[in-house]
């Protein structure tokens, strides 16, 4: 069985973050750089956030330790 396959990628608007909590309970905000439409082997599609926390490396925000949800934080 294959993992989810990326179908399409689009840039995220400024202000979107992956929110989570570390092992000590401190809040973590990781900026979402891209949104990816992914499809499972069962044909189920969903949108996931991608972040670039390390130079030259993009990862799914949902795989970050302590990930809870996506949040938009307005800069106004």
PDB file of N, CA and C in Angstrom:
ATOM      1  N   UNK A   1       0.855  -1.181   0.000  1.00  0.00           N
ATOM      2  CA  UNK A   1       0.000   0.000   0.000  1.00  0.00           C
ATOM      3  C   UNK A   1       0.904   1.248   0.000  1.00  0.00           C
ATOM      4  N   UNK A   2       0.641   2.163  -0.918  1.00  0.00           N
ATOM      5  CA  UNK A   2       1.441   3.382  -0.990  1.00  0.00           C
ATOM      6  C   UNK A   2       0.934   4.411   0.004  1.00  0.00           C
ATOM      7  N   UNK A   3       1.833   5.299   0.379  1.00  0.00           N
ATOM      8  CA  UNK A   3       1.435   6.409   1.233  1.00  0.00           C
ATOM      9  C   UNK A   3       0.683   7.419   0.387  1.00  0.00           C
ATOM     10  N   UNK A   4       0.294   8.515   0.990  1.00  0.00           N
ATOM     11  CA  UNK A   4      -0.388   9.560   0.235  1.00  0.00           C
ATOM     12  C   UNK A   4       0.536  10.144  -0.827  1.00  0.00           C
ATOM     13  N   UNK A   5      -0.027  10.409  -1.967  1.00  0.00           N
ATOM     14  CA  UNK A   5       0.715  10.985  -3.082  1.00  0.00           C
ATOM     15  C   UNK A   5       0.310  12.443  -3.246  1.00  0.00           C
ATOM     16  N   UNK A   6       1.288  13.309  -3.449  1.00  0.00           N
ATOM     17  CA  UNK A   6       0.990  14.726  -3.651  1.00  0.00           C
ATOM     18  C   UNK A   6       0.460  14.914  -5.068  1.00  0.00           C
ATOM     19  N   UNK A   7      -0.712  15.529  -5.179  1.00  0.00           N
ATOM     20  CA  UNK A   7      -1.368  15.780  -6.461  1.00  0.00           C
ATOM     21  C   UNK A   7      -1.065  17.196  -6.946  1.00  0.00           C
ATOM     22  N   UNK A   8      -1.119  18.163  -6.029  1.00  0.00           N
ATOM     23  CA  UNK A   8      -0.918  19.570  -6.396  1.00  0.00           C
ATOM     24  C   UNK A   8      -0.386  20.340  -5.191  1.00  0.00           C
ATOM     25  N   UNK A   9       0.433  21.356  -5.460  1.00  0.00           N
ATOM     26  CA  UNK A   9       0.988  22.199  -4.406  1.00  0.00           C
ATOM     27  C   UNK A   9       0.735  23.656  -4.762  1.00  0.00           C
ATOM     28  N   UNK A  10       0.309  24.452  -3.764  1.00  0.00           N
ATOM     29  CA  UNK A  10       0.106  25.889  -3.955  1.00  0.00           C
ATOM     30  C   UNK A  10       0.728  26.621  -2.767  1.00  0.00           C
ATOM     31  N   UNK A  11       1.174  27.877  -2.965  1.00  0.00           N
ATOM     32  CA  UNK A  11       1.740  28.643  -1.853  1.00  0.00           C
ATOM     33  C   UNK A  11       0.675  28.963  -0.805  1.00  0.00           C
ATOM     34  N   UNK A  12       1.087  28.996   0.438  1.00  0.00           N
ATOM     35  CA  UNK A  12       0.184  29.373   1.531  1.00  0.00           C
ATOM     36  C   UNK A  12       0.230  30.882   1.712  1.00  0.00           C
ATOM     37  N   UNK A  13      -0.903  31.461   2.058  1.00  0.00           N
ATOM     38  CA  UNK A  13      -0.935  32.885   2.379  1.00  0.00           C
ATOM     39  C   UNK A  13      -0.212  33.109   3.698  1.00  0.00           C
ATOM     40  N   UNK A  14       0.402  34.280   3.829  1.00  0.00           N
ATOM     41  CA  UNK A  14       1.106  34.626   5.062  1.00  0.00           C
ATOM     42  C   UNK A  14       0.139  34.586   6.241  1.00  0.00           C
ATOM     43  N   UNK A  15       0.585  34.049   7.346  1.00  0.00           N
ATOM     44  CA  UNK A  15      -0.233  34.020   8.553  1.00  0.00           C
ATOM     45  C   UNK A  15      -0.715  32.636   8.941  1.00  0.00           C
ATOM     46  N   UNK A  16      -0.482  31.615   8.090  1.00  0.00           N
ATOM     47  CA  UNK A  16      -0.881  30.251   8.431  1.00  0.00           C
ATOM     48  C   UNK A  16       0.260  29.545   9.144  1.00  0.00           C
ATOM     49  N   UNK A  17      -0.085  28.872  10.244  1.00  0.00           N
ATOM     50  CA  UNK A  17       0.897  28.172  11.062  1.00  0.00           C
ATOM     51  C   UNK A  17       0.378  26.801  11.473  1.00  0.00           C
ATOM     52  N   UNK A  18       1.301  25.887  11.681  1.00  0.00           N
ATOM     53  CA  UNK A  18       0.991  24.610  12.324  1.00  0.00           C
ATOM     54  C   UNK A  18       1.188  24.850  13.817  1.00  0.00           C
ATOM     55  N   UNK A  19       0.170  24.573  14.590  1.00  0.00           N
ATOM     56  CA  UNK A  19       0.215  24.789  16.031  1.00  0.00           C
ATOM     57  C   UNK A  19       0.391  23.445  16.731  1.00  0.00           C
ATOM     58  N   UNK A  20       1.198  23.449  17.778  1.00  0.00           N
ATOM     59  CA  UNK A  20       1.376  22.239  18.561  1.00  0.00           C
ATOM     60  C   UNK A  20       1.934  22.567  19.927  1.00  0.00           C
ATOM     61  N   UNK A  21       2.221  21.515  20.672  1.00  0.00           N
ATOM     62  CA  UNK A  21       2.808  21.655  22.014  1.00  0.00           C
ATOM     63  C   UNK A  21       3.951  20.656  22.139  1.00  0.00           C
ATOM     64  N   UNK A  22       5.068  21.135  22.710  1.00  0.00           N
ATOM     65  CA  UNK A  22       6.202  20.228  22.898  1.00  0.00           C
ATOM     66  C   UNK A  22       5.978  19.379  24.145  1.00  0.00           C
ATOM     67  N   UNK A  23       6.945  18.543  24.481  1.00  0.00           N
ATOM     68  CA  UNK A  23       6.808  17.615  25.605  1.00  0.00           C
ATOM     69  C   UNK A  23       6.632  18.312  26.947  1.00  0.00           C
ATOM     70  N   UNK A  24       7.124  19.564  27.058  1.00  0.00           N
ATOM     71  CA  UNK A  24       6.967  20.327  28.300  1.00  0.00           C
ATOM     72  C   UNK A  24       5.686  21.156  28.302  1.00  0.00           C
ATOM     73  N   UNK A  25       4.916  21.106  27.218  1.00  0.00           N
ATOM     74  CA  UNK A  25       3.662  21.841  27.146  1.00  0.00           C
ATOM     75  C   UNK A  25       3.776  23.221  26.535  1.00  0.00           C
ATOM     76  N   UNK A  26       4.986  23.612  26.114  1.00  0.00           N
ATOM     77  CA  UNK A  26       5.160  24.930  25.488  1.00  0.00           C
ATOM     78  C   UNK A  26       4.570  24.924  24.082  1.00  0.00           C
ATOM     79  N   UNK A  27       3.952  26.043  23.717  1.00  0.00           N
ATOM     80  CA  UNK A  27       3.338  26.151  22.394  1.00  0.00           C
ATOM     81  C   UNK A  27       4.392  26.271  21.306  1.00  0.00           C
ATOM     82  N   UNK A  28       4.109  25.658  20.157  1.00  0.00           N
ATOM     83  CA  UNK A  28       4.994  25.700  18.990  1.00  0.00           C
ATOM     84  C   UNK A  28       4.188  26.219  17.807  1.00  0.00           C
ATOM     85  N   UNK A  29       4.746  27.163  17.065  1.00  0.00           N
ATOM     86  CA  UNK A  29       4.145  27.640  15.821  1.00  0.00           C
ATOM     87  C   UNK A  29       5.177  27.465  14.703  1.00  0.00           C
ATOM     88  N   UNK A  30       4.818  26.699  13.687  1.00  0.00           N
ATOM     89  CA  UNK A  30       5.692  26.506  12.530  1.00  0.00           C
ATOM     90  C   UNK A  30       4.969  27.091  11.322  1.00  0.00           C
ATOM     91  N   UNK A  31       5.587  28.002  10.590  1.00  0.00           N
ATOM     92  CA  UNK A  31       4.918  28.618   9.445  1.00  0.00           C
ATOM     93  C   UNK A  31       4.627  27.611   8.335  1.00  0.00           C
ATOM     94  N   UNK A  32       3.422  27.701   7.782  1.00  0.00           N
ATOM     95  CA  UNK A  32       3.056  26.865   6.634  1.00  0.00           C
ATOM     96  C   UNK A  32       3.480  27.617   5.379  1.00  0.00           C
ATOM     97  N   UNK A  33       4.376  27.017   4.598  1.00  0.00           N
ATOM     98  CA  UNK A  33       4.870  27.640   3.374  1.00  0.00           C
ATOM     99  C   UNK A  33       4.034  27.251   2.161  1.00  0.00           C
ATOM    100  N   UNK A  34       3.537  26.011   2.167  1.00  0.00           N
ATOM    101  CA  UNK A  34       2.780  25.482   1.027  1.00  0.00           C
ATOM    102  C   UNK A  34       1.620  24.639   1.526  1.00  0.00           C
ATOM    103  N   UNK A  35       0.573  24.570   0.705  1.00  0.00           N
ATOM    104  CA  UNK A  35      -0.532  23.633   0.926  1.00  0.00           C
ATOM    105  C   UNK A  35      -0.435  22.573  -0.162  1.00  0.00           C
ATOM    106  N   UNK A  36      -0.578  21.321   0.223  1.00  0.00           N
ATOM    107  CA  UNK A  36      -0.498  20.224  -0.741  1.00  0.00           C
ATOM    108  C   UNK A  36      -1.805  19.437  -0.731  1.00  0.00           C
ATOM    109  N   UNK A  37      -2.334  19.190  -1.928  1.00  0.00           N
ATOM    110  CA  UNK A  37      -3.471  18.287  -2.087  1.00  0.00           C
ATOM    111  C   UNK A  37      -2.886  16.897  -2.231  1.00  0.00           C
ATOM    112  N   UNK A  38      -3.228  15.999  -1.310  1.00  0.00           N
ATOM    113  CA  UNK A  38      -2.697  14.640  -1.343  1.00  0.00           C
ATOM    114  C   UNK A  38      -3.836  13.645  -1.538  1.00  0.00           C
ATOM    115  N   UNK A  39      -3.494  12.493  -2.087  1.00  0.00           N
ATOM    116  CA  UNK A  39      -4.485  11.448  -2.326  1.00  0.00           C
ATOM    117  C   UNK A  39      -3.957  10.126  -1.788  1.00  0.00           C
ATOM    118  N   UNK A  40      -4.803   9.419  -1.024  1.00  0.00           N
ATOM    119  CA  UNK A  40      -4.427   8.120  -0.473  1.00  0.00           C
ATOM    120  C   UNK A  40      -4.649   7.038  -1.528  1.00  0.00           C
ATOM    121  N   UNK A  41      -4.164   5.843  -1.251  1.00  0.00           N
ATOM    122  CA  UNK A  41      -4.352   4.730  -2.172  1.00  0.00           C
ATOM    123  C   UNK A  41      -5.827   4.355  -2.309  1.00  0.00           C
ATOM    124  N   UNK A  42      -6.651   4.771  -1.334  1.00  0.00           N
ATOM    125  CA  UNK A  42      -8.092   4.520  -1.395  1.00  0.00           C
ATOM    126  C   UNK A  42      -8.822   5.606  -2.172  1.00  0.00           C
ATOM    127  N   UNK A  43      -8.074   6.604  -2.687  1.00  0.00           N
ATOM    128  CA  UNK A  43      -8.686   7.673  -3.469  1.00  0.00           C
ATOM    129  C   UNK A  43      -9.202   8.837  -2.652  1.00  0.00           C
ATOM    130  N   UNK A  44      -8.915   8.863  -1.354  1.00  0.00           N
ATOM    131  CA  UNK A  44      -9.358   9.948  -0.486  1.00  0.00           C
ATOM    132  C   UNK A  44      -8.368  11.108  -0.613  1.00  0.00           C
ATOM    133  N   UNK A  45      -8.888  12.287  -0.875  1.00  0.00           N
ATOM    134  CA  UNK A  45      -8.052  13.479  -1.003  1.00  0.00           C
ATOM    135  C   UNK A  45      -8.245  14.388   0.199  1.00  0.00           C
ATOM    136  N   UNK A  46      -7.141  15.050   0.572  1.00  0.00           N
ATOM    137  CA  UNK A  46      -7.186  16.030   1.661  1.00  0.00           C
ATOM    138  C   UNK A  46      -6.048  17.016   1.462  1.00  0.00           C
ATOM    139  N   UNK A  47      -6.097  18.129   2.193  1.00  0.00           N
ATOM    140  CA  UNK A  47      -5.079  19.168   2.093  1.00  0.00           C
ATOM    141  C   UNK A  47      -4.218  19.119   3.350  1.00  0.00           C
ATOM    142  N   UNK A  48      -2.894  19.162   3.151  1.00  0.00           N
ATOM    143  CA  UNK A  48      -1.952  19.182   4.269  1.00  0.00           C
ATOM    144  C   UNK A  48      -0.995  20.347   4.102  1.00  0.00           C
ATOM    145  N   UNK A  49      -0.488  20.856   5.203  1.00  0.00           N
ATOM    146  CA  UNK A  49       0.476  21.939   5.170  1.00  0.00           C
ATOM    147  C   UNK A  49       1.899  21.411   5.070  1.00  0.00           C
ATOM    148  N   UNK A  50       2.747  22.182   4.401  1.00  0.00           N
ATOM    149  CA  UNK A  50       4.169  21.869   4.295  1.00  0.00           C
ATOM    150  C   UNK A  50       4.954  23.037   4.863  1.00  0.00           C
ATOM    151  N   UNK A  51       6.030  22.740   5.551  1.00  0.00           N
ATOM    152  CA  UNK A  51       6.867  23.769   6.144  1.00  0.00           C
ATOM    153  C   UNK A  51       8.323  23.524   5.802  1.00  0.00           C
ATOM    154  N   UNK A  52       9.101  24.580   5.818  1.00  0.00           N
ATOM    155  CA  UNK A  52      10.534  24.478   5.549  1.00  0.00           C
ATOM    156  C   UNK A  52      11.280  24.944   6.794  1.00  0.00           C
ATOM    157  N   UNK A  53      11.457  24.045   7.742  1.00  0.00           N
ATOM    158  CA  UNK A  53      12.134  24.403   8.984  1.00  0.00           C
ATOM    159  C   UNK A  53      13.650  24.303   8.864  1.00  0.00           C
ATOM    160  N   UNK A  54      14.114  23.482   7.927  1.00  0.00           N
ATOM    161  CA  UNK A  54      15.540  23.334   7.686  1.00  0.00           C
ATOM    162  C   UNK A  54      15.832  23.782   6.264  1.00  0.00           C
ATOM    163  N   UNK A  55      16.967  24.370   6.045  1.00  0.00           N
ATOM    164  CA  UNK A  55      17.359  24.860   4.737  1.00  0.00           C
ATOM    165  C   UNK A  55      17.346  23.728   3.711  1.00  0.00           C
ATOM    166  N   UNK A  56      16.582  23.920   2.644  1.00  0.00           N
ATOM    167  CA  UNK A  56      16.528  22.949   1.564  1.00  0.00           C
ATOM    168  C   UNK A  56      15.713  21.712   1.862  1.00  0.00           C
ATOM    169  N   UNK A  57      14.917  21.725   2.927  1.00  0.00           N
ATOM    170  CA  UNK A  57      14.138  20.545   3.285  1.00  0.00           C
ATOM    171  C   UNK A  57      12.712  20.945   3.629  1.00  0.00           C
ATOM    172  N   UNK A  58      11.750  20.320   2.971  1.00  0.00           N
ATOM    173  CA  UNK A  58      10.333  20.580   3.223  1.00  0.00           C
ATOM    174  C   UNK A  58       9.736  19.340   3.878  1.00  0.00           C
ATOM    175  N   UNK A  59       8.898  19.554   4.895  1.00  0.00           N
ATOM    176  CA  UNK A  59       8.253  18.420   5.552  1.00  0.00           C
ATOM    177  C   UNK A  59       6.789  18.739   5.838  1.00  0.00           C
ATOM    178  N   UNK A  60       6.018  17.704   6.033  1.00  0.00           N
ATOM    179  CA  UNK A  60       4.598  17.880   6.375  1.00  0.00           C
ATOM    180  C   UNK A  60       4.487  18.370   7.805  1.00  0.00           C
ATOM    181  N   UNK A  61       3.689  19.379   7.994  1.00  0.00           N
ATOM    182  CA  UNK A  61       3.541  19.948   9.334  1.00  0.00           C
ATOM    183  C   UNK A  61       2.885  18.952  10.287  1.00  0.00           C
ATOM    184  N   UNK A  62       2.028  18.078   9.775  1.00  0.00           N
ATOM    185  CA  UNK A  62       1.348  17.103  10.624  1.00  0.00           C
ATOM    186  C   UNK A  62       2.309  16.077  11.204  1.00  0.00           C
ATOM    187  N   UNK A  63       3.517  15.976  10.629  1.00  0.00           N
ATOM    188  CA  UNK A  63       4.511  15.035  11.129  1.00  0.00           C
ATOM    189  C   UNK A  63       5.416  15.664  12.192  1.00  0.00           C
ATOM    190  N   UNK A  64       5.246  16.953  12.457  1.00  0.00           N
ATOM    191  CA  UNK A  64       6.035  17.618  13.496  1.00  0.00           C
ATOM    192  C   UNK A  64       5.603  17.088  14.862  1.00  0.00           C
ATOM    193  N   UNK A  65       6.555  16.825  15.762  1.00  0.00           N
ATOM    194  CA  UNK A  65       6.190  16.343  17.098  1.00  0.00           C
ATOM    195  C   UNK A  65       5.265  17.337  17.806  1.00  0.00           C
ATOM    196  N   UNK A  66       4.167  16.842  18.329  1.00  0.00           N
ATOM    197  CA  UNK A  66       3.242  17.679  19.078  1.00  0.00           C
ATOM    198  C   UNK A  66       2.226  18.428  18.237  1.00  0.00           C
ATOM    199  N   UNK A  67       2.155  18.170  16.911  1.00  0.00           N
ATOM    200  CA  UNK A  67       1.204  18.874  16.052  1.00  0.00           C
ATOM    201  C   UNK A  67      -0.221  18.675  16.562  1.00  0.00           C
ATOM    202  N   UNK A  68      -0.991  19.778  16.580  1.00  0.00           N
ATOM    203  CA  UNK A  68      -2.382  19.730  17.024  1.00  0.00           C
ATOM    204  C   UNK A  68      -3.325  20.147  15.893  1.00  0.00           C
ATOM    205  N   UNK A  69      -3.072  21.327  15.285  1.00  0.00           N
ATOM    206  CA  UNK A  69      -3.986  21.857  14.278  1.00  0.00           C
ATOM    207  C   UNK A  69      -3.315  22.982  13.493  1.00  0.00           C
ATOM    208  N   UNK A  70      -4.017  23.456  12.466  1.00  0.00           N
ATOM    209  CA  UNK A  70      -3.573  24.627  11.709  1.00  0.00           C
ATOM    210  C   UNK A  70      -4.275  25.855  12.274  1.00  0.00           C
ATOM    211  N   UNK A  71      -3.545  26.981  12.315  1.00  0.00           N
ATOM    212  CA  UNK A  71      -4.125  28.232  12.801  1.00  0.00           C
ATOM    213  C   UNK A  71      -3.705  29.371  11.890  1.00  0.00           C
ATOM    214  N   UNK A  72      -4.642  30.310  11.709  1.00  0.00           N
ATOM    215  CA  UNK A  72      -4.313  31.539  10.977  1.00  0.00           C
ATOM    216  C   UNK A  72      -4.186  32.655  12.000  1.00  0.00           C
ATOM    217  N   UNK A  73      -3.071  33.355  11.935  1.00  0.00           N
ATOM    218  CA  UNK A  73      -2.826  34.468  12.863  1.00  0.00           C
ATOM    219  C   UNK A  73      -2.724  35.732  12.041  1.00  0.00           C
ATOM    220  N   UNK A  74      -3.701  36.601  12.205  1.00  0.00           N
ATOM    221  CA  UNK A  74      -3.748  37.853  11.458  1.00  0.00           C
ATOM    222  C   UNK A  74      -2.657  38.804  11.944  1.00  0.00           C
ATOM    223  N   UNK A  75      -2.023  39.495  11.015  1.00  0.00           N
ATOM    224  CA  UNK A  75      -0.965  40.439  11.357  1.00  0.00           C
ATOM    225  C   UNK A  75      -1.496  41.874  11.439  1.00  0.00           C
ATOM    226  N   UNK A  76      -2.795  42.044  11.402  1.00  0.00           N
ATOM    227  CA  UNK A  76      -3.406  43.379  11.437  1.00  0.00           C
ATOM    228  C   UNK A  76      -3.417  43.955  12.824  1.00  0.00           C
TER     229      UNK A  76
END
